[in-house]
N, C-alpha and C. Protein backbone atom coordinates (compact mmCIF):
# COMPACT_ATOMS: atom_id res chain seq x y z
N MET A 1 103.47 211.36 66.97
CA MET A 1 103.06 211.82 68.29
C MET A 1 103.78 213.12 68.63
N THR A 2 103.04 214.08 69.16
CA THR A 2 103.66 215.35 69.53
C THR A 2 104.26 215.26 70.92
N GLY A 3 105.17 216.17 71.21
CA GLY A 3 105.83 216.18 72.51
C GLY A 3 105.11 217.07 73.50
N GLN A 4 105.74 217.24 74.64
CA GLN A 4 105.19 218.04 75.72
C GLN A 4 105.07 219.51 75.31
N VAL A 5 104.07 220.18 75.90
CA VAL A 5 103.92 221.62 75.72
C VAL A 5 103.75 222.26 77.09
N LEU A 6 104.17 223.52 77.18
CA LEU A 6 104.03 224.30 78.40
C LEU A 6 103.08 225.45 78.09
N SER A 7 102.00 225.54 78.84
CA SER A 7 101.09 226.68 78.69
C SER A 7 101.41 227.68 79.79
N GLU A 8 101.31 228.95 79.42
CA GLU A 8 101.55 230.02 80.38
C GLU A 8 100.42 231.01 80.25
N VAL A 9 99.67 231.19 81.32
CA VAL A 9 98.60 232.16 81.37
C VAL A 9 99.04 233.23 82.35
N SER A 10 99.09 234.47 81.89
CA SER A 10 99.63 235.54 82.73
C SER A 10 98.69 236.73 82.76
N GLY A 11 98.87 237.54 83.80
CA GLY A 11 98.08 238.75 83.94
C GLY A 11 98.57 239.56 85.12
N ILE A 12 98.10 240.80 85.17
CA ILE A 12 98.45 241.69 86.28
C ILE A 12 97.27 241.71 87.26
N VAL A 13 97.59 241.39 88.50
CA VAL A 13 96.56 241.28 89.56
C VAL A 13 96.83 242.36 90.60
N ALA A 14 95.79 243.12 90.92
CA ALA A 14 95.91 244.15 91.96
C ALA A 14 96.20 243.50 93.31
N ALA A 15 96.96 244.19 94.13
CA ALA A 15 97.39 243.65 95.42
C ALA A 15 96.21 243.16 96.26
N GLU A 16 95.09 243.85 96.21
CA GLU A 16 93.95 243.45 97.04
C GLU A 16 93.29 242.16 96.57
N HIS A 17 93.65 241.66 95.37
CA HIS A 17 93.07 240.41 94.86
C HIS A 17 94.05 239.23 94.89
N GLU A 18 95.29 239.49 95.30
CA GLU A 18 96.30 238.43 95.26
C GLU A 18 95.98 237.27 96.19
N ALA A 19 95.54 237.54 97.40
CA ALA A 19 95.24 236.46 98.35
C ALA A 19 94.11 235.58 97.82
N ALA A 20 93.12 236.19 97.20
CA ALA A 20 92.01 235.41 96.64
C ALA A 20 92.50 234.53 95.49
N LEU A 21 93.41 235.04 94.66
CA LEU A 21 93.97 234.24 93.57
C LEU A 21 94.72 233.03 94.12
N VAL A 22 95.55 233.24 95.12
CA VAL A 22 96.31 232.13 95.71
C VAL A 22 95.35 231.10 96.31
N ALA A 23 94.34 231.55 97.02
CA ALA A 23 93.37 230.64 97.63
C ALA A 23 92.61 229.85 96.56
N ALA A 24 92.21 230.52 95.48
CA ALA A 24 91.48 229.85 94.40
C ALA A 24 92.37 228.81 93.71
N TYR A 25 93.64 229.12 93.50
CA TYR A 25 94.56 228.17 92.88
C TYR A 25 94.77 226.96 93.80
N ARG A 26 94.97 227.22 95.08
CA ARG A 26 95.14 226.11 96.04
C ARG A 26 93.92 225.20 96.04
N GLU A 27 92.74 225.79 95.98
CA GLU A 27 91.51 225.00 95.93
C GLU A 27 91.45 224.20 94.64
N LEU A 28 91.81 224.82 93.54
CA LEU A 28 91.77 224.15 92.24
C LEU A 28 92.63 222.88 92.24
N VAL A 29 93.83 222.96 92.77
CA VAL A 29 94.74 221.82 92.70
C VAL A 29 94.46 220.75 93.74
N THR A 30 93.45 220.95 94.58
CA THR A 30 93.04 219.87 95.48
C THR A 30 92.16 218.87 94.76
N HIS A 31 91.62 219.25 93.61
CA HIS A 31 90.76 218.37 92.82
C HIS A 31 91.61 217.51 91.89
N PRO A 32 91.06 216.42 91.38
CA PRO A 32 91.83 215.59 90.43
C PRO A 32 92.30 216.42 89.25
N LEU A 33 93.54 216.21 88.87
CA LEU A 33 94.12 216.95 87.75
C LEU A 33 93.60 216.40 86.43
N PRO A 34 93.48 217.24 85.41
CA PRO A 34 93.02 216.76 84.11
C PRO A 34 94.01 215.77 83.51
N ASP A 35 93.49 214.88 82.68
CA ASP A 35 94.34 213.92 81.99
C ASP A 35 95.39 214.67 81.17
N GLY A 36 96.62 214.28 81.33
CA GLY A 36 97.70 214.87 80.56
C GLY A 36 98.41 216.03 81.22
N LEU A 37 97.89 216.53 82.35
CA LEU A 37 98.58 217.60 83.07
C LEU A 37 99.68 216.98 83.92
N LEU A 38 100.92 217.36 83.64
CA LEU A 38 102.07 216.77 84.34
C LEU A 38 102.54 217.61 85.53
N ARG A 39 102.40 218.94 85.40
CA ARG A 39 102.90 219.83 86.45
C ARG A 39 102.24 221.19 86.27
N THR A 40 102.01 221.89 87.36
CA THR A 40 101.48 223.25 87.29
C THR A 40 102.00 224.07 88.46
N GLU A 41 102.23 225.35 88.21
CA GLU A 41 102.72 226.26 89.25
C GLU A 41 102.04 227.62 89.10
N LEU A 42 101.78 228.24 90.23
CA LEU A 42 101.34 229.62 90.28
C LEU A 42 102.55 230.46 90.67
N LEU A 43 102.89 231.42 89.84
CA LEU A 43 104.11 232.20 90.03
C LEU A 43 103.77 233.69 90.19
N ARG A 44 104.41 234.32 91.17
CA ARG A 44 104.22 235.76 91.38
C ARG A 44 105.51 236.47 91.03
N GLY A 45 105.39 237.48 90.18
CA GLY A 45 106.54 238.31 89.80
C GLY A 45 106.43 239.67 90.46
N GLN A 46 107.13 240.62 89.91
CA GLN A 46 107.12 241.97 90.44
C GLN A 46 105.94 242.76 89.89
N ASN A 47 105.54 243.77 90.62
CA ASN A 47 104.52 244.73 90.18
C ASN A 47 103.20 244.07 89.79
N GLY A 48 102.79 243.05 90.54
CA GLY A 48 101.50 242.42 90.32
C GLY A 48 101.42 241.44 89.17
N HIS A 49 102.56 241.11 88.57
CA HIS A 49 102.56 240.13 87.48
C HIS A 49 102.46 238.71 88.04
N TRP A 50 101.49 237.96 87.55
CA TRP A 50 101.25 236.59 87.97
C TRP A 50 101.23 235.69 86.75
N ARG A 51 101.65 234.43 86.93
CA ARG A 51 101.63 233.44 85.85
C ARG A 51 101.21 232.10 86.42
N ILE A 52 100.47 231.38 85.60
CA ILE A 52 100.19 229.98 85.87
C ILE A 52 100.83 229.21 84.72
N GLN A 53 101.86 228.45 85.06
CA GLN A 53 102.54 227.63 84.05
C GLN A 53 102.14 226.18 84.27
N SER A 54 101.81 225.51 83.18
CA SER A 54 101.38 224.12 83.26
C SER A 54 102.07 223.32 82.17
N LEU A 55 102.63 222.19 82.56
CA LEU A 55 103.30 221.30 81.63
C LEU A 55 102.33 220.18 81.26
N TRP A 56 102.14 219.98 79.95
CA TRP A 56 101.17 219.01 79.44
C TRP A 56 101.89 217.91 78.67
N ARG A 57 101.31 216.73 78.72
CA ARG A 57 101.85 215.56 78.01
C ARG A 57 102.01 215.87 76.53
N ASP A 58 101.01 216.55 75.95
CA ASP A 58 101.05 216.91 74.54
C ASP A 58 100.00 218.00 74.28
N ARG A 59 100.01 218.53 73.09
CA ARG A 59 99.08 219.61 72.74
C ARG A 59 97.62 219.13 72.81
N ALA A 60 97.38 217.87 72.47
CA ALA A 60 96.02 217.34 72.51
C ALA A 60 95.44 217.40 73.92
N ALA A 61 96.25 217.12 74.95
CA ALA A 61 95.77 217.19 76.34
C ALA A 61 95.40 218.62 76.71
N LEU A 62 96.22 219.59 76.32
CA LEU A 62 95.91 220.99 76.58
C LEU A 62 94.65 221.41 75.83
N ASP A 63 94.55 221.05 74.57
CA ASP A 63 93.38 221.42 73.77
C ASP A 63 92.10 220.83 74.34
N ALA A 64 92.17 219.61 74.88
CA ALA A 64 90.98 218.98 75.47
C ALA A 64 90.48 219.79 76.67
N VAL A 65 91.38 220.27 77.50
CA VAL A 65 90.99 221.07 78.67
C VAL A 65 90.42 222.41 78.22
N ARG A 66 91.04 223.01 77.23
CA ARG A 66 90.55 224.30 76.73
C ARG A 66 89.18 224.19 76.09
N ALA A 67 88.87 223.02 75.51
CA ALA A 67 87.58 222.82 74.84
C ALA A 67 86.47 222.34 75.77
N ALA A 68 86.82 221.98 76.99
CA ALA A 68 85.82 221.47 77.95
C ALA A 68 84.83 222.57 78.32
N PRO A 69 83.62 222.19 78.74
CA PRO A 69 82.65 223.19 79.19
C PRO A 69 83.25 224.06 80.29
N GLY A 70 83.11 225.34 80.16
CA GLY A 70 83.70 226.26 81.14
C GLY A 70 85.10 226.67 80.80
N GLY A 71 85.74 225.98 79.84
CA GLY A 71 87.10 226.33 79.42
C GLY A 71 88.15 225.95 80.44
N ALA A 72 89.36 226.36 80.13
CA ALA A 72 90.50 226.07 81.01
C ALA A 72 90.41 226.88 82.29
N PRO A 73 90.78 226.31 83.42
CA PRO A 73 90.65 227.03 84.69
C PRO A 73 91.63 228.18 84.88
N ALA A 74 92.84 228.10 84.32
CA ALA A 74 93.84 229.15 84.58
C ALA A 74 93.37 230.53 84.14
N PRO A 75 92.87 230.69 82.90
CA PRO A 75 92.38 232.03 82.53
C PRO A 75 91.21 232.49 83.41
N ARG A 76 90.36 231.55 83.79
CA ARG A 76 89.21 231.90 84.64
C ARG A 76 89.68 232.43 85.99
N LEU A 77 90.68 231.77 86.59
CA LEU A 77 91.18 232.22 87.89
C LEU A 77 91.73 233.64 87.81
N LEU A 78 92.47 233.92 86.75
CA LEU A 78 93.03 235.27 86.62
C LEU A 78 91.93 236.30 86.35
N ARG A 79 90.94 235.95 85.54
CA ARG A 79 89.81 236.87 85.31
C ARG A 79 89.08 237.17 86.62
N GLU A 80 88.85 236.12 87.42
CA GLU A 80 88.16 236.31 88.70
C GLU A 80 88.96 237.21 89.64
N ALA A 81 90.28 237.27 89.44
CA ALA A 81 91.15 238.13 90.25
C ALA A 81 91.30 239.52 89.63
N GLY A 82 90.51 239.79 88.57
CA GLY A 82 90.52 241.12 87.97
C GLY A 82 91.56 241.34 86.89
N ALA A 83 92.23 240.28 86.45
CA ALA A 83 93.26 240.41 85.42
C ALA A 83 92.69 240.08 84.04
N GLU A 84 93.33 240.58 83.01
CA GLU A 84 93.02 240.19 81.64
C GLU A 84 94.07 239.16 81.24
N PRO A 85 93.72 237.87 81.21
CA PRO A 85 94.72 236.83 80.99
C PRO A 85 95.24 236.80 79.55
N ALA A 86 96.52 236.53 79.43
CA ALA A 86 97.17 236.31 78.13
C ALA A 86 97.70 234.88 78.13
N LEU A 87 97.50 234.18 77.02
CA LEU A 87 97.93 232.78 76.91
C LEU A 87 99.08 232.67 75.93
N ALA A 88 100.08 231.90 76.32
CA ALA A 88 101.18 231.53 75.42
C ALA A 88 101.39 230.03 75.57
N VAL A 89 101.72 229.38 74.47
CA VAL A 89 101.98 227.94 74.48
C VAL A 89 103.35 227.71 73.85
N PHE A 90 104.17 226.91 74.53
CA PHE A 90 105.52 226.63 74.07
C PHE A 90 105.71 225.13 73.90
N GLU A 91 106.37 224.72 72.84
CA GLU A 91 106.75 223.32 72.66
C GLU A 91 108.02 223.07 73.47
N VAL A 92 108.05 221.98 74.21
CA VAL A 92 109.25 221.62 74.97
C VAL A 92 110.18 220.89 74.01
N LYS A 93 111.33 221.48 73.75
CA LYS A 93 112.29 220.90 72.82
C LYS A 93 113.42 220.16 73.53
N VAL A 94 113.81 220.65 74.71
CA VAL A 94 114.86 220.01 75.51
C VAL A 94 114.39 220.05 76.95
N HIS A 95 114.57 218.95 77.66
CA HIS A 95 114.09 218.86 79.04
C HIS A 95 115.20 218.23 79.90
N LEU A 96 115.43 218.82 81.05
CA LEU A 96 116.40 218.30 82.01
C LEU A 96 115.78 218.38 83.38
N THR A 97 115.85 217.29 84.13
CA THR A 97 115.42 217.28 85.51
C THR A 97 116.64 216.98 86.36
N ALA A 98 116.89 217.84 87.35
CA ALA A 98 118.05 217.65 88.23
C ALA A 98 117.88 216.36 89.03
N GLN A 99 118.97 215.68 89.21
CA GLN A 99 118.98 214.47 90.02
C GLN A 99 119.19 214.86 91.48
N ALA A 100 118.42 214.24 92.36
CA ALA A 100 118.57 214.51 93.79
C ALA A 100 119.87 213.92 94.29
N GLY A 101 120.54 214.67 95.15
CA GLY A 101 121.79 214.20 95.73
C GLY A 101 121.52 213.17 96.82
N PRO A 102 122.56 212.60 97.37
CA PRO A 102 122.40 211.61 98.45
C PRO A 102 121.73 212.24 99.66
N ALA A 103 120.92 211.46 100.31
CA ALA A 103 120.19 211.96 101.49
C ALA A 103 121.06 211.97 102.71
């Protein structure tokens, strides 16, 4: 069995398209998440750099979404915002989740 993978779809989005990208991402995550998607974030960097990072149960779960009709939504969202998406996939080798302190 393979371990978790993190997909990262990135692109440069013009300032006038940023609000539409955020709105489209918010709309996307209101729908049921695909099987095997554990976590996803939309990240804004400097100079119009945007990323959608998604943590998947395993490579098979990511591949299933990419092979579905219409393809994976992350590249589509960035294309609709005028960006040329780039995809990178990373194997998670070490994972740490911080423990919440006392309330």
